[in-house]
Each structure stands twice: as structure tokens, then as C-alpha cells.
Amino acid sequence: MPNNIVLLDADTLGKVSNMHLLKQFGTLQIFDKTLPNQTIFRVKDADIIITNKVVIDKTVMDNAPHLKLICIAATGTNNVDLTYAQKKGIVVKNAAGYSTFSVAQNTFAVLFHLMNHIHWYDNYVKSLNYSNNDLFTHHGPVITELNNKSYGIIGLGSIGMAVAKIATSFGAKVIYYSTSGKNKNDIYPSVSLKKLLHTCDIISIHAPLNDSTKSLIGYEQLKQMKNHAILINMGRGGIVIEKDLARAINKGQIGGACLDVYENEPLSTDNQLFEINDRHKLVLTPHIAWASLESRERLIEIVAGNIESYLSSTGSLQ
């Protein structure tokens, strides 16, 4: 019998050209979105579940009697009850390393958008102000260089390392803070969080959300930063207390911020980040830094590889 494979939230992966890789292992059923009250019905006959964000808990597993493998189309595993899956003998495989280049690239895209005031100057030209100027140039918001700046990284994993290399190539001086205290690196100096906050011109977060990082950056930490410093969060939303960040920007405690992740996604319309007095000091993107086309296609390749590896190990590869 062919394996019944169910992909529960294809919309989170966007349009990719290699979805066919998943079809070689059985009958593939694709759902764009799955609400919590739809999950049990959709997986009742599944041998393999593929999920990005849809929760697979004890109740779901108990109602999927044929389930052998859960493939998480992401690195984080918090949407699956790993303990109960192990108890039931259900294998869980996640995906890692697919988004490193995409997140690193987007880190500098938003940083330079802010440092170079791209939106402001683009609007200056398109509004015909430049055409009506009598100078070949225009000195509006001040542009600063990354060269010789102190760049602090919170979380020096694979993404953090990629960011460090790029920052160094622009002439920045990189230091980092290990949230676990276990990450040792001989290339870049490891410092305390306090020193990183005090000394860095740019700080970017590339850490997971856990007990060590939850609410790591609040108002007290933001007050320790330089008043021109820029904070970038590409890790997880719960690491930065958003209302405190909004307050710090409005009070001039820091120079600005770039966020791609939020405590609650999508953002609620009453979030205090929408109350920034000078909106040019804040860049917000919709949890998209990971999602270059190449990254999403690598993710599909990894999921397909995880399925193939599992089936091979059980002797059931067709």
C-alpha cells in the first residue's frame, strides 16, 4: 500500500517548483491551511504528516492510528508533542540549515534600509523634489557606514556566523553573546550581554526562544544601548519586549530597530510598534527573512530527504 502523506499548511511554504519531490513516496494530499478543528479529520488516515506550524498534539496522534512519521517543515519543534510521539513510537524529523543565507541576507537588507534611509531618498526622487533641486545631490537624513562600527550578535549559531562574516566584510568589528553560555568561538570575542549592549552600534538577534532568551531584551536592557544604536531581531519575537522597544525608540534611548519576528504573529492592529513617533526609525517585515525562493526549495528538499531516510531505515522505501 502506498503511504498516505498529508501536508497541512502549504501556504506557509509559498509557491515552489519542487513540491513534486514529496509525491515520490506515496499519495500526497495538500491543504493550503488547516484550522485546529480540521486537523484530526485530515490526518486520520495519514502515514506521514508534514506540518510547518499546525499543532500535532496527543489528541491528534491518538486519532491517527496509521501515523509513523511527522516531518516538521521548520527548525523549531514546539508545535509537536515530542514526548508523546516518542511514547507512541512515532518518528519526528525537523529541518535545519535551509534558511541561513536568506536570513543573513535579509538582516543586512533591513539594516541598510535603515542606515541608508533608502525609503526616504527613493521617495525624494520619485516625488520630483530631486528634479526640482539645483544641486546634483541632496543631504537629507544622515547616512552612516558599517565600516569600523561595533557589531554585536546574540546567538552565534549558523545564521549568526553567516551574519558575522558579512559584517566583517564591511569592516565592522564583531563580538557576540552566547545565550546558553555553551557556544565557544575562536574567531570572534565572546562578551557578557551587558558589555555587548553598552559597546555595540548594531546588535542583531539570531537566537531561539527558550527559557534563557524569553524577554531577554526589555526596557532596562534597551537603556544600556547607545542612543544611536540599531537593534535587529531575526530570532524569535518573544526575545524582545515589544512595548518596551516602542517606548525606547520614542524616548530616543536607541536609534532604531528592524524586526521580522513578533511575540504574536500576525501582529495585532493595536500593537505599540504601530505607535512609533518617527516611523523612519523602525523597519517591520512579516516573518519573511527565512523565505527566499532558494530557502523554501531547500526546505522541501530536506523534508523529502527526511521521508526517504525514514522509509529506507524501515525497509519500506518503494
Protein backbone atom coordinates (compact mmCIF):
# COMPACT_ATOMS: atom_id res chain seq x y z
CA MET A 1 0.00 0.00 0.00
CA PRO A 2 1.34 3.49 -0.84
CA ASN A 3 1.98 5.85 2.03
CA ASN A 4 -0.66 8.47 2.71
CA ILE A 5 1.19 11.76 3.07
CA VAL A 6 -0.64 14.86 4.28
CA LEU A 7 0.81 18.39 4.03
CA LEU A 8 -1.27 20.52 6.37
CA ASP A 9 -0.20 24.12 5.71
CA ALA A 10 1.25 24.53 2.24
CA ASP A 11 0.53 28.27 2.19
CA THR A 12 3.31 28.79 4.74
CA LEU A 13 5.79 27.47 2.17
CA GLY A 14 4.62 29.63 -0.71
CA LYS A 15 4.92 28.61 -4.35
CA VAL A 16 7.87 26.33 -5.02
CA SER A 17 8.87 24.41 -8.13
CA ASN A 18 9.90 21.17 -6.41
CA MET A 19 6.80 20.11 -4.49
CA HIS A 20 6.80 17.03 -6.73
CA LEU A 21 9.70 15.66 -4.66
CA LEU A 22 7.19 14.76 -1.95
CA LYS A 23 4.96 12.80 -4.31
CA GLN A 24 7.51 10.07 -4.99
CA PHE A 25 6.91 8.50 -1.57
CA GLY A 26 3.17 7.88 -1.81
CA THR A 27 -0.15 9.64 -2.23
CA LEU A 28 0.27 13.32 -1.34
CA GLN A 29 -2.68 15.36 -0.13
CA ILE A 30 -2.02 19.08 0.14
CA PHE A 31 -4.01 21.54 2.24
CA ASP A 32 -3.25 25.25 1.97
CA LYS A 33 -4.30 25.88 5.57
CA THR A 34 -5.56 23.73 8.42
CA LEU A 35 -7.52 25.10 11.35
CA PRO A 36 -7.28 23.36 14.74
CA ASN A 37 -10.76 21.87 14.37
CA GLN A 38 -9.82 20.40 10.98
CA THR A 39 -6.58 18.65 11.90
CA ILE A 40 -7.94 15.37 13.29
CA PHE A 41 -10.16 14.71 10.28
CA ARG A 42 -7.40 15.48 7.80
CA VAL A 43 -4.79 13.20 9.38
CA LYS A 44 -7.00 10.24 10.36
CA ASP A 45 -5.62 8.08 7.52
CA ALA A 46 -2.15 9.59 7.33
CA ASP A 47 1.05 7.56 7.49
CA ILE A 48 3.16 10.70 7.23
CA ILE A 49 2.28 14.24 8.31
CA ILE A 50 4.12 17.32 7.07
CA THR A 51 3.50 20.44 9.15
CA ASN A 52 5.09 23.84 9.47
CA LYS A 53 3.01 25.45 12.20
CA VAL A 54 -0.03 23.20 12.64
CA VAL A 55 -0.01 21.70 16.14
CA ILE A 56 0.30 17.92 16.38
CA ASP A 57 -0.51 17.05 19.98
CA LYS A 58 -1.59 13.94 21.91
CA THR A 59 -5.20 14.14 20.70
CA VAL A 60 -4.17 14.43 17.06
CA MET A 61 -1.76 11.49 17.33
CA ASP A 62 -4.34 9.33 19.11
CA ASN A 63 -6.71 9.92 16.21
CA ALA A 64 -4.17 9.00 13.54
CA PRO A 65 -3.77 5.23 14.01
CA HIS A 66 -1.53 4.75 10.94
CA LEU A 67 0.83 7.64 11.72
CA LYS A 68 4.51 6.67 11.58
CA LEU A 69 6.37 9.89 10.75
CA ILE A 70 5.91 13.61 11.44
CA CYS A 71 8.02 15.92 9.29
CA ILE A 72 8.26 19.47 10.60
CA ALA A 73 8.89 21.86 7.72
CA ALA A 74 10.84 24.16 10.04
CA THR A 75 13.69 24.03 12.55
CA GLY A 76 11.60 24.62 15.68
CA THR A 77 9.73 21.64 17.11
CA ASN A 78 7.45 23.34 19.63
CA ASN A 79 4.30 22.58 17.60
CA VAL A 80 4.71 18.81 18.12
CA ASP A 81 4.42 16.92 21.41
CA LEU A 82 7.79 15.21 21.12
CA THR A 83 7.46 13.26 24.36
CA TYR A 84 4.15 11.70 23.40
CA ALA A 85 5.35 10.99 19.86
CA GLN A 86 8.29 9.05 21.28
CA LYS A 87 5.95 7.16 23.60
CA LYS A 88 3.79 6.19 20.61
CA GLY A 89 6.81 5.20 18.52
CA ILE A 90 6.18 7.99 16.02
CA VAL A 91 9.35 9.40 14.48
CA VAL A 92 9.66 13.20 14.34
CA LYS A 93 12.10 14.91 11.97
CA ASN A 94 12.66 18.65 11.65
CA ALA A 95 14.61 20.68 9.09
CA ALA A 96 17.73 22.72 9.81
CA GLY A 97 20.13 24.92 7.88
CA TYR A 98 17.84 25.72 4.96
CA SER A 99 17.40 29.44 5.73
CA THR A 100 20.90 30.52 6.78
CA PHE A 101 21.73 32.53 3.66
CA SER A 102 18.25 34.02 3.38
CA VAL A 103 18.13 35.27 6.97
CA ALA A 104 21.68 36.62 6.80
CA GLN A 105 20.91 38.49 3.58
CA ASN A 106 17.68 39.94 4.98
CA THR A 107 19.48 41.03 8.14
CA PHE A 108 21.60 43.40 6.09
CA ALA A 109 18.75 44.34 3.75
CA VAL A 110 16.76 45.83 6.64
CA LEU A 111 19.85 47.24 8.32
CA PHE A 112 20.94 49.14 5.21
CA HIS A 113 17.37 50.20 4.54
CA LEU A 114 17.53 51.93 7.93
CA MET A 115 21.15 53.16 7.89
CA ASN A 116 20.97 54.48 4.32
CA HIS A 117 17.38 55.81 4.60
CA ILE A 118 16.55 54.11 1.31
CA HIS A 119 12.81 54.73 1.57
CA TRP A 120 13.29 58.44 2.29
CA TYR A 121 15.70 59.06 -0.59
CA ASP A 122 13.71 56.92 -3.02
CA ASN A 123 10.61 58.95 -2.18
CA TYR A 124 12.62 62.18 -2.53
CA VAL A 125 13.43 61.36 -6.16
CA LYS A 126 10.05 59.89 -7.08
CA SER A 127 8.20 62.89 -5.65
CA LEU A 128 10.17 65.08 -8.13
CA ASN A 129 11.91 67.01 -5.35
CA TYR A 130 15.25 65.94 -6.77
CA SER A 131 14.25 67.05 -10.26
CA ASN A 132 13.42 70.49 -8.91
CA ASN A 133 16.70 70.77 -7.00
CA ASP A 134 19.60 72.88 -8.28
CA LEU A 135 22.26 70.51 -6.84
CA PHE A 136 23.40 67.15 -8.20
CA THR A 137 22.99 65.68 -4.71
CA HIS A 138 20.81 66.15 -1.66
CA HIS A 139 21.75 65.93 2.00
CA GLY A 140 18.70 64.70 3.87
CA PRO A 141 18.80 62.12 6.67
CA VAL A 142 22.39 61.29 7.62
CA ILE A 143 23.83 58.10 6.09
CA THR A 144 26.40 56.23 8.18
CA GLU A 145 28.83 53.44 7.32
CA LEU A 146 29.08 49.97 8.78
CA ASN A 147 32.87 50.18 8.50
CA ASN A 148 34.53 50.46 11.94
CA LYS A 149 31.21 50.02 13.73
CA SER A 150 30.92 47.56 16.60
CA TYR A 151 28.50 44.78 15.59
CA GLY A 152 27.09 42.58 18.36
CA ILE A 153 25.44 39.24 17.72
CA ILE A 154 23.16 37.48 20.18
CA GLY A 155 23.24 33.80 19.23
CA LEU A 156 26.27 32.74 17.17
CA GLY A 157 24.84 29.66 15.51
CA SER A 158 24.97 29.03 11.77
CA ILE A 159 22.95 32.16 10.96
CA GLY A 160 24.85 34.27 13.46
CA MET A 161 28.13 33.09 11.95
CA ALA A 162 26.97 33.98 8.44
CA VAL A 163 25.97 37.44 9.67
CA ALA A 164 29.33 37.85 11.42
CA LYS A 165 31.23 37.07 8.22
CA ILE A 166 29.21 39.59 6.21
CA ALA A 167 29.56 42.28 8.89
CA THR A 168 33.32 41.69 8.95
CA SER A 169 33.50 42.03 5.17
CA PHE A 170 32.04 45.54 5.55
CA GLY A 171 34.73 46.41 8.06
CA ALA A 172 32.66 46.01 11.23
CA LYS A 173 34.16 44.67 14.45
CA VAL A 174 32.14 41.67 15.61
CA ILE A 175 31.56 40.47 19.15
CA TYR A 176 28.91 38.07 20.41
CA TYR A 177 26.92 36.95 23.41
CA SER A 178 26.09 33.26 23.87
CA THR A 179 22.65 32.95 25.45
CA SER A 180 23.36 29.39 26.59
CA GLY A 181 26.93 30.04 27.68
CA LYS A 182 27.98 26.93 25.78
CA ASN A 183 28.78 28.45 22.40
CA LYS A 184 32.54 28.92 22.10
CA ASN A 185 34.12 30.53 19.07
CA ASP A 186 37.77 31.30 18.46
CA ILE A 187 37.18 33.85 15.69
CA TYR A 188 35.05 36.44 17.47
CA PRO A 189 35.28 37.64 21.10
CA SER A 190 32.59 36.40 23.47
CA VAL A 191 31.32 39.06 25.90
CA SER A 192 28.64 39.48 28.53
CA LEU A 193 25.23 40.78 27.49
CA LYS A 194 25.89 43.96 29.47
CA LYS A 195 29.12 44.68 27.58
CA LEU A 196 27.50 43.91 24.24
CA LEU A 197 24.64 46.31 24.96
CA HIS A 198 26.99 49.07 26.16
CA THR A 199 29.52 48.91 23.34
CA CYS A 200 27.76 47.96 20.11
CA ASP A 201 26.45 50.25 17.38
CA ILE A 202 24.39 47.44 15.86
CA ILE A 203 23.00 44.40 17.67
CA SER A 204 21.29 41.57 15.84
CA ILE A 205 19.49 38.63 17.44
CA HIS A 206 19.74 35.16 15.89
CA ALA A 207 18.84 33.02 18.89
CA PRO A 208 15.98 30.56 19.52
CA LEU A 209 13.22 31.30 22.02
CA ASN A 210 13.75 29.38 25.23
CA ASP A 211 13.99 29.94 28.97
CA SER A 212 17.32 31.74 28.53
CA THR A 213 16.12 34.15 25.86
CA LYS A 214 12.46 34.86 26.64
CA SER A 215 12.07 38.61 27.34
CA LEU A 216 15.86 38.94 27.19
CA ILE A 217 15.65 42.50 25.86
CA GLY A 218 13.36 44.81 27.82
CA TYR A 219 13.45 48.49 28.67
CA GLU A 220 16.30 48.17 31.18
CA GLN A 221 18.49 46.47 28.55
CA LEU A 222 17.50 48.98 25.86
CA LYS A 223 18.51 51.86 28.14
CA GLN A 224 22.01 50.39 28.27
CA MET A 225 22.44 50.69 24.50
CA LYS A 226 23.96 53.66 22.72
CA ASN A 227 21.36 56.25 21.74
CA HIS A 228 22.24 55.82 18.06
CA ALA A 229 22.36 52.00 18.17
CA ILE A 230 20.18 49.80 15.98
CA LEU A 231 18.55 46.59 17.23
CA ILE A 232 17.66 43.82 14.75
CA ASN A 233 15.58 40.79 15.73
CA MET A 234 15.69 37.88 13.29
CA GLY A 235 15.41 35.22 16.02
CA ARG A 236 12.04 34.90 17.75
CA GLY A 237 9.56 37.57 18.76
CA GLY A 238 9.37 36.75 22.44
CA ILE A 239 13.04 37.66 22.91
CA VAL A 240 12.29 41.39 22.68
CA ILE A 241 9.53 43.00 24.75
CA GLU A 242 7.77 44.97 22.03
CA LYS A 243 6.10 47.63 24.18
CA ASP A 244 9.47 48.35 25.78
CA LEU A 245 11.10 48.66 22.36
CA ALA A 246 8.43 51.11 21.20
CA ARG A 247 8.95 53.15 24.37
CA ALA A 248 12.74 53.15 23.96
CA ILE A 249 12.55 54.35 20.35
CA ASN A 250 10.05 57.08 21.18
CA LYS A 251 12.20 58.29 24.08
CA GLY A 252 15.37 58.29 21.96
CA GLN A 253 17.03 55.58 24.03
CA ILE A 254 18.15 53.85 20.81
CA GLY A 255 18.47 54.92 17.21
CA GLY A 256 16.09 52.44 15.65
CA ALA A 257 15.12 48.82 15.15
CA CYS A 258 14.39 46.22 12.49
CA LEU A 259 12.04 43.34 13.32
CA ASP A 260 10.98 40.33 11.29
CA VAL A 261 9.53 38.29 14.17
CA TYR A 262 6.95 39.10 16.82
CA GLU A 263 5.54 37.68 20.02
CA ASN A 264 2.16 37.15 18.33
CA GLU A 265 2.03 36.61 14.58
CA PRO A 266 0.43 38.26 12.69
CA LEU A 267 0.76 41.50 14.65
CA SER A 268 -2.43 42.80 16.25
CA THR A 269 -3.55 46.20 14.98
CA ASP A 270 -3.21 47.71 18.46
CA ASN A 271 0.44 46.67 18.89
CA GLN A 272 2.52 49.52 20.29
CA LEU A 273 5.02 49.14 17.47
CA PHE A 274 2.48 50.97 15.31
CA GLU A 275 2.70 53.95 17.69
CA ILE A 276 6.30 54.92 16.92
CA ASN A 277 6.50 58.72 16.57
CA ASP A 278 9.18 58.60 13.85
CA ARG A 279 8.30 55.64 11.65
CA HIS A 280 11.58 56.00 9.76
CA LYS A 281 13.32 54.59 12.84
CA LEU A 282 11.55 51.25 12.59
CA VAL A 283 11.56 48.61 9.84
CA LEU A 284 8.95 45.84 10.15
CA THR A 285 8.74 42.79 7.88
CA PRO A 286 6.23 39.90 8.12
CA HIS A 287 8.40 36.96 9.30
CA ILE A 288 9.78 36.68 5.79
CA ALA A 289 13.56 36.76 6.32
CA TRP A 290 13.79 32.96 6.11
CA ALA A 291 11.75 32.69 2.93
CA SER A 292 13.87 33.30 -0.13
CA LEU A 293 12.82 31.08 -3.03
CA GLU A 294 16.05 29.13 -2.69
CA SER A 295 15.49 28.68 1.04
CA ARG A 296 11.97 27.34 0.58
CA GLU A 297 13.08 24.94 -2.12
CA ARG A 298 15.93 23.73 0.11
CA LEU A 299 13.32 23.14 2.80
CA ILE A 300 11.29 20.91 0.50
CA GLU A 301 14.46 19.01 -0.39
CA ILE A 302 15.23 18.46 3.29
CA VAL A 303 11.69 17.27 4.06
CA ALA A 304 11.85 14.87 1.11
CA GLY A 305 15.23 13.66 2.34
CA ASN A 306 13.81 13.09 5.82
CA ILE A 307 10.99 10.99 4.41
CA GLU A 308 13.38 8.99 2.22
CA SER A 309 15.73 8.43 5.16
CA TYR A 310 12.92 7.17 7.37
CA LEU A 311 11.47 4.86 4.74
CA SER A 312 14.90 3.48 3.96
CA SER A 313 15.57 2.79 7.63
CA THR A 314 12.32 0.86 7.94
CA GLY A 315 12.79 -1.04 4.69
CA SER A 316 9.59 0.41 3.24
CA LEU A 317 11.04 2.65 0.54
CA GLN A 318 9.14 1.89 -2.66
